[in-house]
Structures are given as C-alpha cells and as structure tokens.
Amino acid sequence: MTKPGKPFKITSDEMLRNPEYASMYLAECMADDDTDLFKLALKNVADAQGGVAEIAQKSSLGRQNLYKILSAKTDPKMGTLKKILEAMGLELSISPRKTEVYG
C-alpha cells in the first residue's frame, strides 16, 4: 500500500517559502499581464510566508492596508510593491526581453 502524499496546499506553501520558487511563480503570473492574478499570487506568497499580518509588519505597512492593496480593487504604487516584495525576501528587477533568433 502506498503512503498518501502531502496535501497540495502544504506542498505549495513549502515551495512558496523558497525565494527561488516564489520569484518564478510571481514572474509567471506577471507575464500573464493580469494585475488581479499578480495580486492574488502576492497574497498566496504572503500566506505561505507566515500570513499577510507578518508581511505587513516586515514591510511597515498596516495589515488592513496590505489586505486592501492585495484586493482586486486597488493598484499598488511601485514603492508599495517594492516594500511587499522586500518583506518576502524578493526584489523587483528589469531584464532584456527575450527575442527569437532566426538562423
């Protein structure tokens, strides 16, 4: 008989606590060009890393304010987004766009 695996939520939370996985997850969500999806992904990472209250404390943002920022009703300012990412152990960066090379 096989041993049951861990529930998906536990596995995904473990992965999102790792900055490498969290950054890949957020980058993929950002690539979809959907602000609401990206904010949901930010909330998922926050939940995995101890919850919104902990990220709010680390980022010096109020808990209620952070909940509003992560809701679908607001668009965070760049400075606010930077604070949230830094509290998660991440940073915002810019890189050259990948282009196709024809031989």
C-alpha atoms as a PDB file:
ATOM      1  CA  MET A   1       0.000   0.000   0.000  1.00  0.00           C
ATOM      2  CA  THR A   2       1.355   3.438  -0.880  1.00  0.00           C
ATOM      3  CA  LYS A   3       1.648   6.171   1.680  1.00  0.00           C
ATOM      4  CA  PRO A   4      -0.622   9.179   0.987  1.00  0.00           C
ATOM      5  CA  GLY A   5       1.180  12.317  -0.168  1.00  0.00           C
ATOM      6  CA  LYS A   6       1.016  15.728   1.430  1.00  0.00           C
ATOM      7  CA  PRO A   7      -1.982  17.879   0.598  1.00  0.00           C
ATOM      8  CA  PHE A   8      -1.350  20.321  -2.250  1.00  0.00           C
ATOM      9  CA  LYS A   9      -1.757  23.393  -0.009  1.00  0.00           C
ATOM     10  CA  ILE A  10       1.047  22.219   2.287  1.00  0.00           C
ATOM     11  CA  THR A  11       3.302  21.410  -0.675  1.00  0.00           C
ATOM     12  CA  SER A  12       2.616  24.706  -2.426  1.00  0.00           C
ATOM     13  CA  ASP A  13       3.184  26.683   0.795  1.00  0.00           C
ATOM     14  CA  GLU A  14       6.517  24.925   1.302  1.00  0.00           C
ATOM     15  CA  MET A  15       7.545  25.824  -2.236  1.00  0.00           C
ATOM     16  CA  LEU A  16       6.412  29.455  -1.950  1.00  0.00           C
ATOM     17  CA  ARG A  17       8.506  29.920   1.198  1.00  0.00           C
ATOM     18  CA  ASN A  18      11.554  29.365  -1.027  1.00  0.00           C
ATOM     19  CA  PRO A  19      12.523  32.699  -2.652  1.00  0.00           C
ATOM     20  CA  GLU A  20      13.575  30.968  -5.899  1.00  0.00           C
ATOM     21  CA  TYR A  21      10.194  29.267  -6.348  1.00  0.00           C
ATOM     22  CA  ALA A  22       8.279  32.326  -5.172  1.00  0.00           C
ATOM     23  CA  SER A  23      10.079  34.541  -7.669  1.00  0.00           C
ATOM     24  CA  MET A  24       9.390  32.130 -10.546  1.00  0.00           C
ATOM     25  CA  TYR A  25       5.727  31.871  -9.542  1.00  0.00           C
ATOM     26  CA  LEU A  26       5.314  35.649  -9.358  1.00  0.00           C
ATOM     27  CA  ALA A  27       7.186  36.151 -12.652  1.00  0.00           C
ATOM     28  CA  GLU A  28       4.874  33.698 -14.429  1.00  0.00           C
ATOM     29  CA  CYS A  29       1.808  35.427 -13.015  1.00  0.00           C
ATOM     30  CA  MET A  30       3.181  38.819 -14.039  1.00  0.00           C
ATOM     31  CA  ALA A  31       3.812  37.515 -17.570  1.00  0.00           C
ATOM     32  CA  ASP A  32       0.064  36.934 -17.933  1.00  0.00           C
ATOM     33  CA  ASP A  33      -0.383  40.730 -17.814  1.00  0.00           C
ATOM     34  CA  ASP A  34      -3.269  40.382 -15.360  1.00  0.00           C
ATOM     35  CA  THR A  35      -2.924  42.676 -12.326  1.00  0.00           C
ATOM     36  CA  ASP A  36      -5.573  40.817 -10.331  1.00  0.00           C
ATOM     37  CA  LEU A  37      -3.817  37.486 -10.933  1.00  0.00           C
ATOM     38  CA  PHE A  38      -0.493  39.002  -9.841  1.00  0.00           C
ATOM     39  CA  LYS A  39      -2.015  40.408  -6.641  1.00  0.00           C
ATOM     40  CA  LEU A  40      -3.580  37.011  -5.897  1.00  0.00           C
ATOM     41  CA  ALA A  41      -0.150  35.441  -6.392  1.00  0.00           C
ATOM     42  CA  LEU A  42       1.355  38.007  -3.991  1.00  0.00           C
ATOM     43  CA  LYS A  43      -1.284  37.051  -1.427  1.00  0.00           C
ATOM     44  CA  ASN A  44      -0.511  33.349  -1.937  1.00  0.00           C
ATOM     45  CA  VAL A  45       3.185  34.005  -1.296  1.00  0.00           C
ATOM     46  CA  ALA A  46       2.341  36.170   1.739  1.00  0.00           C
ATOM     47  CA  ASP A  47       0.114  33.402   3.146  1.00  0.00           C
ATOM     48  CA  ALA A  48       2.873  30.836   2.618  1.00  0.00           C
ATOM     49  CA  GLN A  49       5.429  33.066   4.335  1.00  0.00           C
ATOM     50  CA  GLY A  50       3.543  33.498   7.584  1.00  0.00           C
ATOM     51  CA  GLY A  51       0.467  35.429   6.511  1.00  0.00           C
ATOM     52  CA  VAL A  52      -0.490  38.927   5.497  1.00  0.00           C
ATOM     53  CA  ALA A  53      -0.056  40.237   9.050  1.00  0.00           C
ATOM     54  CA  GLU A  54       3.578  39.121   9.135  1.00  0.00           C
ATOM     55  CA  ILE A  55       4.349  40.592   5.700  1.00  0.00           C
ATOM     56  CA  ALA A  56       2.582  43.811   6.748  1.00  0.00           C
ATOM     57  CA  GLN A  57       4.808  44.045   9.817  1.00  0.00           C
ATOM     58  CA  LYS A  58       8.003  43.314   7.853  1.00  0.00           C
ATOM     59  CA  SER A  59       7.056  45.873   5.188  1.00  0.00           C
ATOM     60  CA  SER A  60       5.927  48.573   7.660  1.00  0.00           C
ATOM     61  CA  LEU A  61       2.500  48.579   6.002  1.00  0.00           C
ATOM     62  CA  GLY A  62      -0.624  48.248   8.090  1.00  0.00           C
ATOM     63  CA  ARG A  63      -2.334  44.866   7.951  1.00  0.00           C
ATOM     64  CA  GLN A  64      -5.639  46.330   6.772  1.00  0.00           C
ATOM     65  CA  ASN A  65      -3.802  48.462   4.231  1.00  0.00           C
ATOM     66  CA  LEU A  66      -1.996  45.407   2.875  1.00  0.00           C
ATOM     67  CA  TYR A  67      -5.279  43.486   2.587  1.00  0.00           C
ATOM     68  CA  LYS A  68      -6.677  46.410   0.555  1.00  0.00           C
ATOM     69  CA  ILE A  69      -3.566  46.520  -1.629  1.00  0.00           C
ATOM     70  CA  LEU A  70      -3.861  42.795  -2.365  1.00  0.00           C
ATOM     71  CA  SER A  71      -7.568  43.052  -3.142  1.00  0.00           C
ATOM     72  CA  ALA A  72      -8.803  43.327  -6.692  1.00  0.00           C
ATOM     73  CA  LYS A  73      -9.986  46.905  -6.071  1.00  0.00           C
ATOM     74  CA  THR A  74      -6.642  48.709  -5.927  1.00  0.00           C
ATOM     75  CA  ASP A  75      -3.453  49.073  -7.938  1.00  0.00           C
ATOM     76  CA  PRO A  76      -0.373  49.256  -5.719  1.00  0.00           C
ATOM     77  CA  LYS A  77       2.186  52.003  -6.241  1.00  0.00           C
ATOM     78  CA  MET A  78       5.706  50.971  -7.218  1.00  0.00           C
ATOM     79  CA  GLY A  79       7.145  51.872  -3.796  1.00  0.00           C
ATOM     80  CA  THR A  80       4.482  49.806  -2.044  1.00  0.00           C
ATOM     81  CA  LEU A  81       5.090  46.841  -4.316  1.00  0.00           C
ATOM     82  CA  LYS A  82       8.823  47.122  -3.621  1.00  0.00           C
ATOM     83  CA  LYS A  83       8.206  47.072   0.160  1.00  0.00           C
ATOM     84  CA  ILE A  84       5.969  43.987  -0.133  1.00  0.00           C
ATOM     85  CA  LEU A  85       8.487  42.106  -2.253  1.00  0.00           C
ATOM     86  CA  GLU A  86      11.374  43.022   0.055  1.00  0.00           C
ATOM     87  CA  ALA A  87       9.364  41.737   3.038  1.00  0.00           C
ATOM     88  CA  MET A  88       9.060  38.442   1.143  1.00  0.00           C
ATOM     89  CA  GLY A  89      12.811  38.287   0.528  1.00  0.00           C
ATOM     90  CA  LEU A  90      12.402  39.283  -3.116  1.00  0.00           C
ATOM     91  CA  GLU A  91      13.173  42.279  -5.286  1.00  0.00           C
ATOM     92  CA  LEU A  92      11.842  43.793  -8.462  1.00  0.00           C
ATOM     93  CA  SER A  93      14.245  43.777 -11.403  1.00  0.00           C
ATOM     94  CA  ILE A  94      14.244  44.540 -15.099  1.00  0.00           C
ATOM     95  CA  SER A  95      15.858  42.348 -17.741  1.00  0.00           C
ATOM     96  CA  PRO A  96      16.106  42.428 -21.522  1.00  0.00           C
ATOM     97  CA  ARG A  97      13.141  40.944 -23.310  1.00  0.00           C
ATOM     98  CA  LYS A  98      13.831  37.565 -24.846  1.00  0.00           C
ATOM     99  CA  THR A  99      13.742  37.634 -28.643  1.00  0.00           C
ATOM    100  CA  GLU A 100      13.644  34.814 -31.117  1.00  0.00           C
ATOM    101  CA  VAL A 101      16.796  34.211 -33.138  1.00  0.00           C
ATOM    102  CA  TYR A 102      16.381  33.005 -36.680  1.00  0.00           C
ATOM    103  CA  GLY A 103      19.279  31.090 -38.206  1.00  0.00           C
END
